[in-house]
C-alpha atoms as a PDB file:
ATOM      1  CA  MET A   1      31.381  42.597  84.589  1.00  0.00           C
ATOM      2  CA  PRO A   2      31.459  39.268  86.382  1.00  0.00           C
ATOM      3  CA  ALA A   3      30.765  36.272  84.271  1.00  0.00           C
ATOM      4  CA  ASN A   4      27.737  35.246  86.371  1.00  0.00           C
ATOM      5  CA  ASP A   5      26.259  38.767  85.819  1.00  0.00           C
ATOM      6  CA  ARG A   6      26.277  38.580  82.068  1.00  0.00           C
ATOM      7  CA  PRO A   7      22.850  38.202  80.363  1.00  0.00           C
ATOM      8  CA  LYS A   8      22.321  34.669  79.100  1.00  0.00           C
ATOM      9  CA  ALA A   9      22.074  34.463  75.288  1.00  0.00           C
ATOM     10  CA  SER A  10      18.567  33.298  74.172  1.00  0.00           C
ATOM     11  CA  PRO A  11      18.542  30.118  72.197  1.00  0.00           C
ATOM     12  CA  PRO A  12      18.071  30.654  68.417  1.00  0.00           C
ATOM     13  CA  SER A  13      14.386  30.582  67.505  1.00  0.00           C
ATOM     14  CA  ALA A  14      13.550  27.380  65.578  1.00  0.00           C
ATOM     15  CA  THR A  15      12.289  28.097  62.038  1.00  0.00           C
ATOM     16  CA  PRO A  16       8.723  26.743  61.747  1.00  0.00           C
ATOM     17  CA  ALA A  17       8.528  23.777  59.290  1.00  0.00           C
ATOM     18  CA  PRO A  18       6.499  24.637  56.168  1.00  0.00           C
ATOM     19  CA  ASN A  19       3.140  23.290  56.126  1.00  0.00           C
ATOM     20  CA  GLN A  20       2.963  21.047  53.211  1.00  0.00           C
ATOM     21  CA  ASP A  21      -0.643  20.933  53.119  1.00  0.00           C
ATOM     22  CA  SER A  22      -0.805  24.713  52.851  1.00  0.00           C
ATOM     23  CA  TRP A  23       1.823  24.770  50.001  1.00  0.00           C
ATOM     24  CA  PHE A  24      -0.084  22.186  48.009  1.00  0.00           C
ATOM     25  CA  ASP A  25      -3.302  23.968  48.554  1.00  0.00           C
ATOM     26  CA  SER A  26      -1.745  27.150  47.327  1.00  0.00           C
ATOM     27  CA  ILE A  27      -0.601  25.337  44.126  1.00  0.00           C
ATOM     28  CA  LYS A  28      -4.000  23.873  43.378  1.00  0.00           C
ATOM     29  CA  SER A  29      -5.608  27.285  44.081  1.00  0.00           C
ATOM     30  CA  ASP A  30      -3.258  29.047  41.541  1.00  0.00           C
ATOM     31  CA  ILE A  31      -4.001  26.291  39.023  1.00  0.00           C
ATOM     32  CA  ARG A  32      -7.629  26.643  39.580  1.00  0.00           C
ATOM     33  CA  ASP A  33      -7.502  30.370  39.165  1.00  0.00           C
ATOM     34  CA  HIS A  34      -5.428  30.078  36.120  1.00  0.00           C
ATOM     35  CA  LEU A  35      -7.875  27.534  34.468  1.00  0.00           C
ATOM     36  CA  ALA A  36     -10.778  29.796  35.380  1.00  0.00           C
ATOM     37  CA  VAL A  37      -9.746  32.169  32.779  1.00  0.00           C
ATOM     38  CA  PRO A  38     -10.739  30.499  29.381  1.00  0.00           C
ATOM     39  CA  HIS A  39      -7.966  32.211  27.162  1.00  0.00           C
ATOM     40  CA  ASN A  40      -5.315  30.641  29.547  1.00  0.00           C
ATOM     41  CA  TRP A  41      -6.023  27.117  28.375  1.00  0.00           C
ATOM     42  CA  ILE A  42      -8.265  27.361  25.224  1.00  0.00           C
ATOM     43  CA  ALA A  43      -5.300  28.314  22.900  1.00  0.00           C
ATOM     44  CA  PRO A  44      -2.668  25.692  24.309  1.00  0.00           C
ATOM     45  CA  ALA A  45      -5.387  22.884  24.107  1.00  0.00           C
ATOM     46  CA  ALA A  46      -6.301  23.923  20.562  1.00  0.00           C
ATOM     47  CA  ALA A  47      -2.690  24.019  19.542  1.00  0.00           C
ATOM     48  CA  ALA A  48      -2.105  20.561  20.932  1.00  0.00           C
ATOM     49  CA  GLY A  49      -5.266  19.233  19.271  1.00  0.00           C
ATOM     50  CA  LEU A  50      -4.249  20.839  15.937  1.00  0.00           C
ATOM     51  CA  THR A  51      -0.677  19.318  16.244  1.00  0.00           C
ATOM     52  CA  LEU A  52      -2.102  15.807  16.984  1.00  0.00           C
ATOM     53  CA  GLY A  53      -4.641  16.110  14.190  1.00  0.00           C
ATOM     54  CA  LEU A  54      -2.024  17.153  11.509  1.00  0.00           C
ATOM     55  CA  TYR A  55       0.181  14.261  12.637  1.00  0.00           C
ATOM     56  CA  THR A  56      -2.656  11.859  12.378  1.00  0.00           C
ATOM     57  CA  PHE A  57      -3.515  13.203   8.913  1.00  0.00           C
ATOM     58  CA  TYR A  58       0.133  12.843   7.799  1.00  0.00           C
ATOM     59  CA  GLN A  59       0.431   9.384   8.918  1.00  0.00           C
ATOM     60  CA  SER A  60      -2.772   8.363   7.229  1.00  0.00           C
ATOM     61  CA  TYR A  61      -2.757  10.373   3.959  1.00  0.00           C
ATOM     62  CA  LEU A  62       0.521  12.052   3.274  1.00  0.00           C
ATOM     63  CA  ARG A  63       3.249   9.603   4.503  1.00  0.00           C
ATOM     64  CA  ARG A  64       4.957   7.928   1.621  1.00  0.00           C
ATOM     65  CA  PHE A  65       5.870   4.370   1.588  1.00  0.00           C
ATOM     66  CA  PRO A  66       9.031   3.656  -0.391  1.00  0.00           C
ATOM     67  CA  ALA A  67       8.743  -0.199  -0.226  1.00  0.00           C
ATOM     68  CA  PRO A  68       6.262  -2.938   0.651  1.00  0.00           C
ATOM     69  CA  GLY A  69       7.912  -3.445   4.034  1.00  0.00           C
ATOM     70  CA  HIS A  70       7.079   0.164   5.012  1.00  0.00           C
ATOM     71  CA  ILE A  71       3.409  -0.183   4.613  1.00  0.00           C
ATOM     72  CA  ALA A  72       1.568  -0.001   7.840  1.00  0.00           C
ATOM     73  CA  PRO A  73      -0.321  -3.281   8.623  1.00  0.00           C
ATOM     74  CA  SER A  74      -3.397  -1.271   9.312  1.00  0.00           C
ATOM     75  CA  PHE A  75      -3.525  -0.159   5.593  1.00  0.00           C
ATOM     76  CA  PHE A  76      -4.183  -3.740   4.227  1.00  0.00           C
ATOM     77  CA  ARG A  77      -7.800  -4.383   3.345  1.00  0.00           C
ATOM     78  CA  ARG A  78      -8.637  -0.829   4.599  1.00  0.00           C
ATOM     79  CA  ARG A  79      -6.878   1.671   2.509  1.00  0.00           C
ATOM     80  CA  SER A  80      -5.526   2.243  -0.893  1.00  0.00           C
ATOM     81  CA  LEU A  81      -2.371   3.575  -2.270  1.00  0.00           C
ATOM     82  CA  PHE A  82      -2.039   6.263  -5.046  1.00  0.00           C
ATOM     83  CA  GLY A  83       1.021   6.404  -7.198  1.00  0.00           C
ATOM     84  CA  THR A  84       2.686   6.421 -10.732  1.00  0.00           C
ATOM     85  CA  VAL A  85       3.703   3.277 -12.585  1.00  0.00           C
ATOM     86  CA  THR A  86       7.404   3.383 -13.157  1.00  0.00           C
ATOM     87  CA  SER A  87       7.965   0.008 -14.846  1.00  0.00           C
ATOM     88  CA  VAL A  88       6.191  -3.179 -15.913  1.00  0.00           C
ATOM     89  CA  GLY A  89       7.823  -6.290 -15.295  1.00  0.00           C
ATOM     90  CA  ASP A  90       5.355  -8.971 -16.604  1.00  0.00           C
ATOM     91  CA  GLY A  91       1.742  -9.419 -17.696  1.00  0.00           C
ATOM     92  CA  ASP A  92       0.307  -9.142 -14.032  1.00  0.00           C
ATOM     93  CA  GLY A  93       2.730  -6.905 -12.134  1.00  0.00           C
ATOM     94  CA  PHE A  94       4.516  -3.690 -12.116  1.00  0.00           C
ATOM     95  CA  HIS A  95       6.374  -1.254  -9.926  1.00  0.00           C
ATOM     96  CA  MET A  96       4.702   1.884  -8.513  1.00  0.00           C
ATOM     97  CA  PHE A  97       6.190   5.116  -7.016  1.00  0.00           C
ATOM     98  CA  HIS A  98       3.865   5.934  -4.107  1.00  0.00           C
ATOM     99  CA  THR A  99       2.577   9.613  -4.357  1.00  0.00           C
ATOM    100  CA  PRO A 100       0.170  10.247  -1.386  1.00  0.00           C
ATOM    101  CA  GLY A 101      -2.019  13.044  -1.860  1.00  0.00           C
ATOM    102  CA  GLY A 102      -1.527  13.174  -5.569  1.00  0.00           C
ATOM    103  CA  ARG A 103      -1.529  16.682  -7.109  1.00  0.00           C
ATOM    104  CA  LEU A 104      -3.066  18.300  -4.074  1.00  0.00           C
ATOM    105  CA  ALA A 105       0.178  17.310  -2.282  1.00  0.00           C
ATOM    106  CA  GLY A 106       2.333  18.856  -4.871  1.00  0.00           C
ATOM    107  CA  TRP A 107       3.260  15.500  -6.939  1.00  0.00           C
ATOM    108  CA  GLY A 108       3.686  16.457 -10.609  1.00  0.00           C
ATOM    109  CA  TRP A 109       4.247  20.330 -10.145  1.00  0.00           C
ATOM    110  CA  LEU A 110       6.154  20.756  -6.879  1.00  0.00           C
ATOM    111  CA  ARG A 111       7.512  17.289  -6.267  1.00  0.00           C
ATOM    112  CA  HIS A 112       8.689  15.073  -9.078  1.00  0.00           C
ATOM    113  CA  VAL A 113       8.496  11.282  -9.587  1.00  0.00           C
ATOM    114  CA  PRO A 114      11.984  10.126 -10.412  1.00  0.00           C
ATOM    115  CA  LYS A 115      12.539   8.463 -13.844  1.00  0.00           C
ATOM    116  CA  ASP A 116      16.107   7.370 -13.594  1.00  0.00           C
ATOM    117  CA  ARG A 117      16.597   3.782 -12.395  1.00  0.00           C
ATOM    118  CA  LYS A 118      19.257   4.687  -9.983  1.00  0.00           C
ATOM    119  CA  GLU A 119      16.986   7.289  -8.251  1.00  0.00           C
ATOM    120  CA  LEU A 120      14.129   4.756  -8.304  1.00  0.00           C
ATOM    121  CA  LYS A 121      16.144   1.989  -6.861  1.00  0.00           C
ATOM    122  CA  GLY A 122      14.573   0.904  -3.436  1.00  0.00           C
ATOM    123  CA  ARG A 123      11.847   3.478  -3.640  1.00  0.00           C
ATOM    124  CA  THR A 124       9.111   1.657  -5.451  1.00  0.00           C
ATOM    125  CA  ILE A 125       6.446  -0.819  -4.422  1.00  0.00           C
ATOM    126  CA  SER A 126       6.042  -4.006  -6.387  1.00  0.00           C
ATOM    127  CA  ILE A 127       2.380  -4.624  -7.157  1.00  0.00           C
ATOM    128  CA  ARG A 128       0.949  -7.930  -8.126  1.00  0.00           C
ATOM    129  CA  ILE A 129      -2.568  -7.516  -9.712  1.00  0.00           C
ATOM    130  CA  ALA A 130      -5.157  -9.432  -7.560  1.00  0.00           C
ATOM    131  CA  GLY A 131      -7.312 -12.158  -9.040  1.00  0.00           C
ATOM    132  CA  ILE A 132      -5.493 -12.699 -12.312  1.00  0.00           C
ATOM    133  CA  ASP A 133      -2.714 -14.755 -13.871  1.00  0.00           C
ATOM    134  CA  ALA A 134      -1.162 -13.619 -17.177  1.00  0.00           C
ATOM    135  CA  PRO A 135       0.753 -16.069 -19.445  1.00  0.00           C
ATOM    136  CA  GLU A 136       4.299 -16.506 -18.480  1.00  0.00           C
ATOM    137  CA  GLY A 137       7.104 -14.896 -20.383  1.00  0.00           C
ATOM    138  CA  ALA A 138      10.476 -16.551 -21.215  1.00  0.00           C
ATOM    139  CA  HIS A 139      12.863 -16.533 -18.281  1.00  0.00           C
ATOM    140  CA  PHE A 140      15.256 -18.767 -16.462  1.00  0.00           C
ATOM    141  CA  GLY A 141      15.565 -20.940 -19.516  1.00  0.00           C
ATOM    142  CA  ARG A 142      11.901 -21.505 -19.762  1.00  0.00           C
ATOM    143  CA  PRO A 143       9.968 -20.780 -23.084  1.00  0.00           C
ATOM    144  CA  ALA A 144       7.332 -18.172 -23.077  1.00  0.00           C
ATOM    145  CA  GLN A 145       3.612 -19.027 -23.117  1.00  0.00           C
ATOM    146  CA  PRO A 146       1.409 -17.977 -26.116  1.00  0.00           C
ATOM    147  CA  PHE A 147       0.052 -14.338 -25.604  1.00  0.00           C
ATOM    148  CA  ALA A 148       2.669 -13.532 -22.881  1.00  0.00           C
ATOM    149  CA  ALA A 149       4.136 -10.727 -25.063  1.00  0.00           C
ATOM    150  CA  GLU A 150       0.668  -9.416 -25.890  1.00  0.00           C
ATOM    151  CA  ALA A 151      -0.299  -9.420 -22.239  1.00  0.00           C
ATOM    152  CA  LEU A 152       2.854  -7.518 -21.246  1.00  0.00           C
ATOM    153  CA  ALA A 153       2.423  -5.155 -24.148  1.00  0.00           C
ATOM    154  CA  PHE A 154      -1.014  -4.323 -23.178  1.00  0.00           C
ATOM    155  CA  LEU A 155      -0.273  -3.600 -19.477  1.00  0.00           C
ATOM    156  CA  GLU A 156       2.567  -1.380 -20.431  1.00  0.00           C
ATOM    157  CA  ARG A 157       0.284   0.648 -22.702  1.00  0.00           C
ATOM    158  CA  TYR A 158      -2.430   0.653 -20.240  1.00  0.00           C
ATOM    159  CA  VAL A 159      -0.637   1.785 -17.002  1.00  0.00           C
ATOM    160  CA  LEU A 160       3.086   2.658 -17.695  1.00  0.00           C
ATOM    161  CA  ARG A 161       3.814   6.204 -16.484  1.00  0.00           C
ATOM    162  CA  ARG A 162       0.121   6.749 -15.450  1.00  0.00           C
ATOM    163  CA  ARG A 163      -1.224   7.359 -12.038  1.00  0.00           C
ATOM    164  CA  VAL A 164      -3.164   4.404 -10.498  1.00  0.00           C
ATOM    165  CA  ARG A 165      -4.901   3.533  -7.374  1.00  0.00           C
ATOM    166  CA  ALA A 166      -4.306   0.274  -5.796  1.00  0.00           C
ATOM    167  CA  PHE A 167      -6.582  -1.271  -3.173  1.00  0.00           C
ATOM    168  CA  ILE A 168      -4.183  -3.395  -1.162  1.00  0.00           C
ATOM    169  CA  TYR A 169      -4.843  -6.798   0.353  1.00  0.00           C
ATOM    170  CA  LYS A 170      -1.596  -8.350   1.518  1.00  0.00           C
ATOM    171  CA  ARG A 171       2.030  -9.042   0.978  1.00  0.00           C
ATOM    172  CA  ASP A 172       2.936 -12.262  -0.961  1.00  0.00           C
ATOM    173  CA  GLN A 173       5.938 -14.565  -0.426  1.00  0.00           C
ATOM    174  CA  TYR A 174       7.871 -12.469  -3.055  1.00  0.00           C
ATOM    175  CA  ASP A 175       7.416  -9.198  -1.119  1.00  0.00           C
ATOM    176  CA  ARG A 176       4.820  -7.958  -3.659  1.00  0.00           C
ATOM    177  CA  VAL A 177       1.672  -6.180  -2.711  1.00  0.00           C
ATOM    178  CA  VAL A 178      -1.388  -7.895  -3.967  1.00  0.00           C
ATOM    179  CA  ALA A 179      -3.993  -5.436  -5.035  1.00  0.00           C
ATOM    180  CA  THR A 180      -6.889  -4.432  -7.200  1.00  0.00           C
ATOM    181  CA  VAL A 181      -5.657  -1.729  -9.536  1.00  0.00           C
ATOM    182  CA  TYR A 182      -7.615   1.153 -10.995  1.00  0.00           C
ATOM    183  CA  VAL A 183      -6.540   3.523 -13.836  1.00  0.00           C
ATOM    184  CA  ARG A 184      -8.236   6.622 -15.220  1.00  0.00           C
ATOM    185  CA  ARG A 185      -7.696   6.991 -18.940  1.00  0.00           C
ATOM    186  CA  ALA A 186      -8.902   9.568 -21.358  1.00  0.00           C
ATOM    187  CA  PRO A 187     -11.378  10.977 -21.529  1.00  0.00           C
ATOM    188  CA  PHE A 188     -10.603  11.667 -17.883  1.00  0.00           C
ATOM    189  CA  PHE A 189     -14.178  12.242 -16.816  1.00  0.00           C
ATOM    190  CA  PHE A 190     -14.993   8.515 -17.565  1.00  0.00           C
ATOM    191  CA  PRO A 191     -15.013   6.068 -14.561  1.00  0.00           C
ATOM    192  CA  ARG A 192     -11.737   4.604 -13.625  1.00  0.00           C
ATOM    193  CA  ARG A 193     -11.127   1.158 -14.985  1.00  0.00           C
ATOM    194  CA  ASP A 194     -10.115  -2.079 -13.184  1.00  0.00           C
ATOM    195  CA  VAL A 195      -6.981  -3.200 -14.832  1.00  0.00           C
ATOM    196  CA  GLY A 196      -7.266  -6.905 -13.942  1.00  0.00           C
ATOM    197  CA  LEU A 197     -10.903  -6.941 -15.262  1.00  0.00           C
ATOM    198  CA  GLU A 198      -9.892  -5.334 -18.473  1.00  0.00           C
ATOM    199  CA  MET A 199      -7.183  -8.044 -19.107  1.00  0.00           C
ATOM    200  CA  LEU A 200      -9.652 -10.741 -18.461  1.00  0.00           C
ATOM    201  CA  ARG A 201     -12.130  -9.265 -20.858  1.00  0.00           C
ATOM    202  CA  ARG A 202      -9.575  -9.265 -23.527  1.00  0.00           C
ATOM    203  CA  GLY A 203      -8.379 -12.702 -22.919  1.00  0.00           C
ATOM    204  CA  LEU A 204      -4.884 -11.645 -21.814  1.00  0.00           C
ATOM    205  CA  ALA A 205      -5.119 -13.374 -18.429  1.00  0.00           C
ATOM    206  CA  VAL A 206      -7.061 -15.993 -16.673  1.00  0.00           C
ATOM    207  CA  THR A 207      -8.606 -15.899 -13.090  1.00  0.00           C
ATOM    208  CA  TYR A 208      -6.007 -16.994 -10.507  1.00  0.00           C
ATOM    209  CA  GLU A 209      -6.286 -20.674  -9.773  1.00  0.00           C
ATOM    210  CA  GLY A 210      -4.253 -21.289  -6.540  1.00  0.00           C
ATOM    211  CA  LYS A 211      -6.194 -23.071  -3.899  1.00  0.00           C
ATOM    212  CA  THR A 212      -4.395 -21.317  -1.259  1.00  0.00           C
ATOM    213  CA  GLY A 213      -3.488 -17.583  -1.260  1.00  0.00           C
ATOM    214  CA  ALA A 214      -5.978 -16.732  -4.080  1.00  0.00           C
ATOM    215  CA  GLU A 215      -7.057 -13.064  -3.658  1.00  0.00           C
ATOM    216  CA  PHE A 216      -9.791 -11.304  -5.447  1.00  0.00           C
ATOM    217  CA  GLY A 217     -10.802  -8.549  -2.951  1.00  0.00           C
ATOM    218  CA  GLY A 218     -13.952 -10.346  -1.986  1.00  0.00           C
ATOM    219  CA  GLU A 219     -16.533 -12.956  -3.353  1.00  0.00           C
ATOM    220  CA  LYS A 220     -18.183 -10.213  -5.502  1.00  0.00           C
ATOM    221  CA  MET A 221     -15.052  -9.270  -7.190  1.00  0.00           C
ATOM    222  CA  GLU A 222     -14.338 -13.039  -7.588  1.00  0.00           C
ATOM    223  CA  ALA A 223     -17.680 -13.612  -9.297  1.00  0.00           C
ATOM    224  CA  ARG A 224     -17.351 -10.575 -11.615  1.00  0.00           C
ATOM    225  CA  TYR A 225     -13.790 -11.796 -12.774  1.00  0.00           C
ATOM    226  CA  LYS A 226     -14.905 -15.293 -13.501  1.00  0.00           C
ATOM    227  CA  ALA A 227     -17.902 -13.991 -15.376  1.00  0.00           C
ATOM    228  CA  ALA A 228     -15.620 -11.740 -17.525  1.00  0.00           C
ATOM    229  CA  GLN A 229     -13.384 -14.779 -18.172  1.00  0.00           C
ATOM    230  CA  GLU A 230     -16.310 -16.907 -19.340  1.00  0.00           C
ATOM    231  CA  ALA A 231     -17.484 -14.039 -21.628  1.00  0.00           C
ATOM    232  CA  ALA A 232     -13.918 -13.814 -23.216  1.00  0.00           C
ATOM    233  CA  LYS A 233     -13.825 -17.612 -23.493  1.00  0.00           C
ATOM    234  CA  ARG A 234     -17.234 -17.872 -25.311  1.00  0.00           C
ATOM    235  CA  LYS A 235     -15.975 -14.998 -27.785  1.00  0.00           C
ATOM    236  CA  GLY A 236     -12.593 -16.650 -28.242  1.00  0.00           C
ATOM    237  CA  ARG A 237     -10.829 -13.520 -27.342  1.00  0.00           C
ATOM    238  CA  GLY A 238      -6.954 -13.433 -26.755  1.00  0.00           C
ATOM    239  CA  LEU A 239      -5.593 -16.795 -25.638  1.00  0.00           C
ATOM    240  CA  TRP A 240      -9.034 -18.310 -25.784  1.00  0.00           C
ATOM    241  CA  GLY A 241      -8.852 -18.105 -29.548  1.00  0.00           C
ATOM    242  CA  LEU A 242      -5.874 -20.425 -29.682  1.00  0.00           C
ATOM    243  CA  ARG A 243      -6.668 -23.811 -31.153  1.00  0.00           C
ATOM    244  CA  GLY A 244      -8.491 -25.809 -28.487  1.00  0.00           C
ATOM    245  CA  GLY A 245      -8.829 -22.812 -26.316  1.00  0.00           C
ATOM    246  CA  LYS A 246     -12.405 -21.747 -27.046  1.00  0.00           C
ATOM    247  CA  GLY A 247     -14.757 -23.338 -24.687  1.00  0.00           C
ATOM    248  CA  GLU A 248     -12.866 -26.593 -24.447  1.00  0.00           C
ATOM    249  CA  GLU A 249     -11.737 -27.524 -20.775  1.00  0.00           C
ATOM    250  CA  GLY A 250      -8.175 -29.034 -20.429  1.00  0.00           C
ATOM    251  CA  ARG A 251      -6.916 -28.063 -23.878  1.00  0.00           C
ATOM    252  CA  LEU A 252      -5.515 -24.668 -23.000  1.00  0.00           C
ATOM    253  CA  GLU A 253      -2.621 -24.693 -20.633  1.00  0.00           C
ATOM    254  CA  THR A 254      -3.031 -22.004 -17.984  1.00  0.00           C
ATOM    255  CA  PRO A 255      -0.120 -20.145 -16.386  1.00  0.00           C
ATOM    256  CA  MET A 256      -0.502 -22.250 -13.179  1.00  0.00           C
ATOM    257  CA  GLU A 257      -0.420 -25.408 -15.130  1.00  0.00           C
ATOM    258  CA  TYR A 258       2.417 -24.200 -17.284  1.00  0.00           C
ATOM    259  CA  LYS A 259       4.458 -23.603 -14.071  1.00  0.00           C
ATOM    260  CA  LYS A 260       3.738 -26.915 -12.653  1.00  0.00           C
ATOM    261  CA  ARG A 261       4.827 -28.689 -15.832  1.00  0.00           C
ATOM    262  CA  MET A 262       8.040 -26.639 -16.073  1.00  0.00           C
ATOM    263  CA  LYS A 263       8.900 -27.540 -12.462  1.00  0.00           C
ATOM    264  CA  MET A 264       8.309 -31.234 -13.102  1.00  0.00           C
ATOM    265  CA  LEU A 265      10.445 -31.104 -16.218  1.00  0.00           C
ATOM    266  CA  GLU A 266      13.278 -29.335 -14.311  1.00  0.00           C
ATOM    267  CA  GLU A 267      13.215 -31.950 -11.421  1.00  0.00           C
ATOM    268  CA  LYS A 268      13.262 -34.739 -13.949  1.00  0.00           C
ATOM    269  CA  ALA A 269      16.230 -33.226 -15.840  1.00  0.00           C
ATOM    270  CA  GLY A 270      18.062 -32.373 -12.656  1.00  0.00           C
ATOM    271  CA  GLY A 271      17.306 -28.694 -12.775  1.00  0.00           C
ATOM    272  CA  LYS A 272      17.647 -28.237 -16.411  1.00  0.00           C
ATOM    273  CA  VAL A 273      14.713 -28.145 -18.894  1.00  0.00           C
END
């Protein structure tokens, strides 16, 4: 067949470009149809909400803080910490192993509080009892104040290895958590007791005197603490029973005054008392 008589090949038909609007409308239609059936979205939404709720609950109530630096800033002045006292260092401070959730979270029967010092290292919170100042014990070459040993012994008997609740206010310059501390003692149906207040009532501490940084947990707590101190003073309890201590201002050296005097002596002696 002559070349000129051959049928001409028809050009390939162009594939029509997809209509983007139609594709998008189709997707939207599918989504609408899917969501129109309640069981298609109720279960996933409920699962997501439950997961978020459990995470929030854990973060707020079950997360354990091993040290002061791990405590969320939002906790201070708003929340409390529950834990077991593992050691008492002086008359107004101790270390606590945080046990969030208490027995309901398994502490004491499913989860144990370490007792060995090696296990506890770096896992406890140093607590400074708010609003009080106990007599200073002997350390760094300084002599002990009267009633320092009695204050330490009382605090050990009162809280050591017991569960306490600490209403926390702030971290101080020594990385301690300043807190009002409560303990429940036998009989256990009695109201829990304010540890700092009990020490003031017994004359084993004085109200904190610092002009800056003093923390009581509010004006009402401060007034209550000072009233307890005045009552102990009138009755001559504890350190107020020392000669010159009962009702006589300026004769009893408070822990704050003692520390200032020791510092002055050390400075004069070139760092040696």
